[in-house]
């Protein structure tokens, strides 16, 4: 398609909170959509390329909230589209529980600098 960026999206999930499979899937979906919306506003060329290339995404895990907040801060510092997900507490989690972060779509090399060392969920 002649797109100049090799883009992807990474969803980073806390591994220290217990969520059912459906809850986890919903939180990951929230992160993916919220981060895409950020990219559409700030880097529409990345969002467009990602949508055209099949929306590649990877889901990885971190140990706890501190590590998740560190990843989020690093993504923001690198000016990447990033969105943090805070649960409303209507089902399995306490209100205000931070569950995951969506990063990108953005060029793979930029995201990999931040998330490349994290293990797959």
C-alpha atoms as a PDB file:
ATOM      1  CA  UNK A   1       0.000   0.000   0.000  1.00  0.00           C
ATOM      2  CA  UNK A   2       3.027   2.264  -0.033  1.00  0.00           C
ATOM      3  CA  UNK A   3       2.699   3.249   3.629  1.00  0.00           C
ATOM      4  CA  UNK A   4       5.901   4.727   5.010  1.00  0.00           C
ATOM      5  CA  UNK A   5       5.625   3.562   8.644  1.00  0.00           C
ATOM      6  CA  UNK A   6       5.715   0.044  10.057  1.00  0.00           C
ATOM      7  CA  UNK A   7       3.136   0.584  12.797  1.00  0.00           C
ATOM      8  CA  UNK A   8       1.608  -1.424  15.600  1.00  0.00           C
ATOM      9  CA  UNK A   9      -0.270  -1.020  18.836  1.00  0.00           C
ATOM     10  CA  UNK A  10       0.712  -2.502  22.192  1.00  0.00           C
ATOM     11  CA  UNK A  11      -1.646  -3.027  25.107  1.00  0.00           C
ATOM     12  CA  UNK A  12       0.073  -3.331  28.486  1.00  0.00           C
ATOM     13  CA  UNK A  13      -1.918  -5.144  31.194  1.00  0.00           C
ATOM     14  CA  UNK A  14      -1.335  -5.344  34.943  1.00  0.00           C
ATOM     15  CA  UNK A  15      -0.652  -8.905  36.022  1.00  0.00           C
ATOM     16  CA  UNK A  16      -1.279  -8.326  39.735  1.00  0.00           C
ATOM     17  CA  UNK A  17      -5.038  -7.899  39.579  1.00  0.00           C
ATOM     18  CA  UNK A  18      -7.464 -10.719  38.982  1.00  0.00           C
ATOM     19  CA  UNK A  19      -9.910 -10.267  36.133  1.00  0.00           C
ATOM     20  CA  UNK A  20     -12.069 -12.830  34.398  1.00  0.00           C
ATOM     21  CA  UNK A  21     -11.366 -13.456  30.727  1.00  0.00           C
ATOM     22  CA  UNK A  22     -14.298 -11.347  29.604  1.00  0.00           C
ATOM     23  CA  UNK A  23     -13.327  -8.462  31.874  1.00  0.00           C
ATOM     24  CA  UNK A  24      -9.735  -8.634  30.654  1.00  0.00           C
ATOM     25  CA  UNK A  25     -10.881  -8.632  27.021  1.00  0.00           C
ATOM     26  CA  UNK A  26     -13.086  -5.588  27.672  1.00  0.00           C
ATOM     27  CA  UNK A  27     -10.248  -3.663  29.348  1.00  0.00           C
ATOM     28  CA  UNK A  28      -7.884  -4.435  26.458  1.00  0.00           C
ATOM     29  CA  UNK A  29     -10.551  -3.274  24.008  1.00  0.00           C
ATOM     30  CA  UNK A  30     -10.996  -0.024  25.944  1.00  0.00           C
ATOM     31  CA  UNK A  31      -7.240   0.590  25.768  1.00  0.00           C
ATOM     32  CA  UNK A  32      -7.065  -0.187  22.045  1.00  0.00           C
ATOM     33  CA  UNK A  33      -9.889   2.197  21.161  1.00  0.00           C
ATOM     34  CA  UNK A  34      -8.757   4.997  23.461  1.00  0.00           C
ATOM     35  CA  UNK A  35      -5.175   4.871  22.153  1.00  0.00           C
ATOM     36  CA  UNK A  36      -6.411   4.799  18.540  1.00  0.00           C
ATOM     37  CA  UNK A  37      -8.496   7.918  19.188  1.00  0.00           C
ATOM     38  CA  UNK A  38      -5.405   9.656  20.594  1.00  0.00           C
ATOM     39  CA  UNK A  39      -3.434   8.678  17.496  1.00  0.00           C
ATOM     40  CA  UNK A  40      -6.199   9.911  15.186  1.00  0.00           C
ATOM     41  CA  UNK A  41      -6.021  13.325  16.875  1.00  0.00           C
ATOM     42  CA  UNK A  42      -2.238  13.652  17.236  1.00  0.00           C
ATOM     43  CA  UNK A  43      -0.722  11.432  14.511  1.00  0.00           C
ATOM     44  CA  UNK A  44      -3.431  10.666  11.951  1.00  0.00           C
ATOM     45  CA  UNK A  45      -0.894   9.244   9.504  1.00  0.00           C
ATOM     46  CA  UNK A  46       0.035   6.543  12.032  1.00  0.00           C
ATOM     47  CA  UNK A  47      -3.619   5.738  12.706  1.00  0.00           C
ATOM     48  CA  UNK A  48      -4.430   5.562   9.003  1.00  0.00           C
ATOM     49  CA  UNK A  49      -1.478   3.299   8.254  1.00  0.00           C
ATOM     50  CA  UNK A  50      -2.345   0.999  11.146  1.00  0.00           C
ATOM     51  CA  UNK A  51      -5.941   0.681   9.994  1.00  0.00           C
ATOM     52  CA  UNK A  52      -4.807  -0.046   6.443  1.00  0.00           C
ATOM     53  CA  UNK A  53      -2.254  -2.654   7.539  1.00  0.00           C
ATOM     54  CA  UNK A  54      -4.656  -4.884   9.500  1.00  0.00           C
ATOM     55  CA  UNK A  55      -4.407  -3.213  12.919  1.00  0.00           C
ATOM     56  CA  UNK A  56      -1.497  -5.247  14.316  1.00  0.00           C
ATOM     57  CA  UNK A  57      -1.479  -5.299  18.101  1.00  0.00           C
ATOM     58  CA  UNK A  58       0.316  -7.131  20.870  1.00  0.00           C
ATOM     59  CA  UNK A  59      -0.786  -7.615  24.473  1.00  0.00           C
ATOM     60  CA  UNK A  60       1.953  -7.711  27.103  1.00  0.00           C
ATOM     61  CA  UNK A  61       2.027  -7.723  30.888  1.00  0.00           C
ATOM     62  CA  UNK A  62       3.663  -5.834  33.718  1.00  0.00           C
ATOM     63  CA  UNK A  63       4.009  -6.837  37.359  1.00  0.00           C
ATOM     64  CA  UNK A  64       2.004  -4.064  38.992  1.00  0.00           C
ATOM     65  CA  UNK A  65       0.645  -0.525  38.929  1.00  0.00           C
ATOM     66  CA  UNK A  66       4.065   1.074  39.415  1.00  0.00           C
ATOM     67  CA  UNK A  67       5.477  -0.661  36.352  1.00  0.00           C
ATOM     68  CA  UNK A  68       2.365   0.178  34.325  1.00  0.00           C
ATOM     69  CA  UNK A  69       2.589   3.852  35.278  1.00  0.00           C
ATOM     70  CA  UNK A  70       6.274   3.848  34.328  1.00  0.00           C
ATOM     71  CA  UNK A  71       5.495   2.441  30.873  1.00  0.00           C
ATOM     72  CA  UNK A  72       2.714   5.006  30.423  1.00  0.00           C
ATOM     73  CA  UNK A  73       4.961   7.905  31.477  1.00  0.00           C
ATOM     74  CA  UNK A  74       7.706   6.762  29.093  1.00  0.00           C
ATOM     75  CA  UNK A  75       5.217   6.558  26.205  1.00  0.00           C
ATOM     76  CA  UNK A  76       3.987  10.087  26.921  1.00  0.00           C
ATOM     77  CA  UNK A  77       7.559  11.372  27.265  1.00  0.00           C
ATOM     78  CA  UNK A  78       8.295   9.950  23.793  1.00  0.00           C
ATOM     79  CA  UNK A  79       5.182  11.741  22.476  1.00  0.00           C
ATOM     80  CA  UNK A  80       3.449   8.473  21.557  1.00  0.00           C
ATOM     81  CA  UNK A  81      -0.326   8.194  21.560  1.00  0.00           C
ATOM     82  CA  UNK A  82      -1.123   6.472  24.855  1.00  0.00           C
ATOM     83  CA  UNK A  83      -4.223   5.977  26.955  1.00  0.00           C
ATOM     84  CA  UNK A  84      -4.571   4.629  30.473  1.00  0.00           C
ATOM     85  CA  UNK A  85      -7.699   2.649  31.397  1.00  0.00           C
ATOM     86  CA  UNK A  86      -9.352   3.242  34.765  1.00  0.00           C
ATOM     87  CA  UNK A  87     -12.204   0.867  35.584  1.00  0.00           C
ATOM     88  CA  UNK A  88     -15.522   2.281  36.751  1.00  0.00           C
ATOM     89  CA  UNK A  89     -15.982  -0.537  39.254  1.00  0.00           C
ATOM     90  CA  UNK A  90     -19.339  -1.770  38.035  1.00  0.00           C
ATOM     91  CA  UNK A  91     -18.476  -5.485  38.018  1.00  0.00           C
ATOM     92  CA  UNK A  92     -15.291  -7.227  39.200  1.00  0.00           C
ATOM     93  CA  UNK A  93     -12.969  -4.418  40.247  1.00  0.00           C
ATOM     94  CA  UNK A  94     -13.022  -1.571  42.717  1.00  0.00           C
ATOM     95  CA  UNK A  95     -13.883   1.826  41.203  1.00  0.00           C
ATOM     96  CA  UNK A  96     -10.760   3.620  40.032  1.00  0.00           C
ATOM     97  CA  UNK A  97      -8.678   0.486  39.441  1.00  0.00           C
ATOM     98  CA  UNK A  98      -6.095   1.150  36.719  1.00  0.00           C
ATOM     99  CA  UNK A  99      -6.045  -1.957  34.526  1.00  0.00           C
ATOM    100  CA  UNK A 100      -4.012  -1.332  31.377  1.00  0.00           C
ATOM    101  CA  UNK A 101      -2.442   1.112  28.952  1.00  0.00           C
ATOM    102  CA  UNK A 102      -2.775   1.293  25.184  1.00  0.00           C
ATOM    103  CA  UNK A 103       0.196   2.621  23.227  1.00  0.00           C
ATOM    104  CA  UNK A 104      -0.042   3.458  19.553  1.00  0.00           C
ATOM    105  CA  UNK A 105      -0.621   2.942  16.791  1.00  0.00           C
ATOM    106  CA  UNK A 106       2.893   4.211  16.269  1.00  0.00           C
ATOM    107  CA  UNK A 107       6.032   3.100  14.471  1.00  0.00           C
ATOM    108  CA  UNK A 108       7.215  -0.246  15.827  1.00  0.00           C
ATOM    109  CA  UNK A 109      10.717   0.941  16.633  1.00  0.00           C
ATOM    110  CA  UNK A 110       9.358   3.748  18.856  1.00  0.00           C
ATOM    111  CA  UNK A 111       7.019   1.440  20.766  1.00  0.00           C
ATOM    112  CA  UNK A 112       9.615  -1.330  21.046  1.00  0.00           C
ATOM    113  CA  UNK A 113      11.979   1.035  22.884  1.00  0.00           C
ATOM    114  CA  UNK A 114       9.404   1.115  25.678  1.00  0.00           C
ATOM    115  CA  UNK A 115       7.664  -2.266  25.562  1.00  0.00           C
ATOM    116  CA  UNK A 116      10.164  -4.531  23.785  1.00  0.00           C
ATOM    117  CA  UNK A 117      11.364  -6.127  27.025  1.00  0.00           C
ATOM    118  CA  UNK A 118       7.891  -6.992  28.343  1.00  0.00           C
ATOM    119  CA  UNK A 119       6.539 -10.536  28.220  1.00  0.00           C
ATOM    120  CA  UNK A 120       3.436 -11.493  26.258  1.00  0.00           C
ATOM    121  CA  UNK A 121       0.295 -11.858  28.333  1.00  0.00           C
END
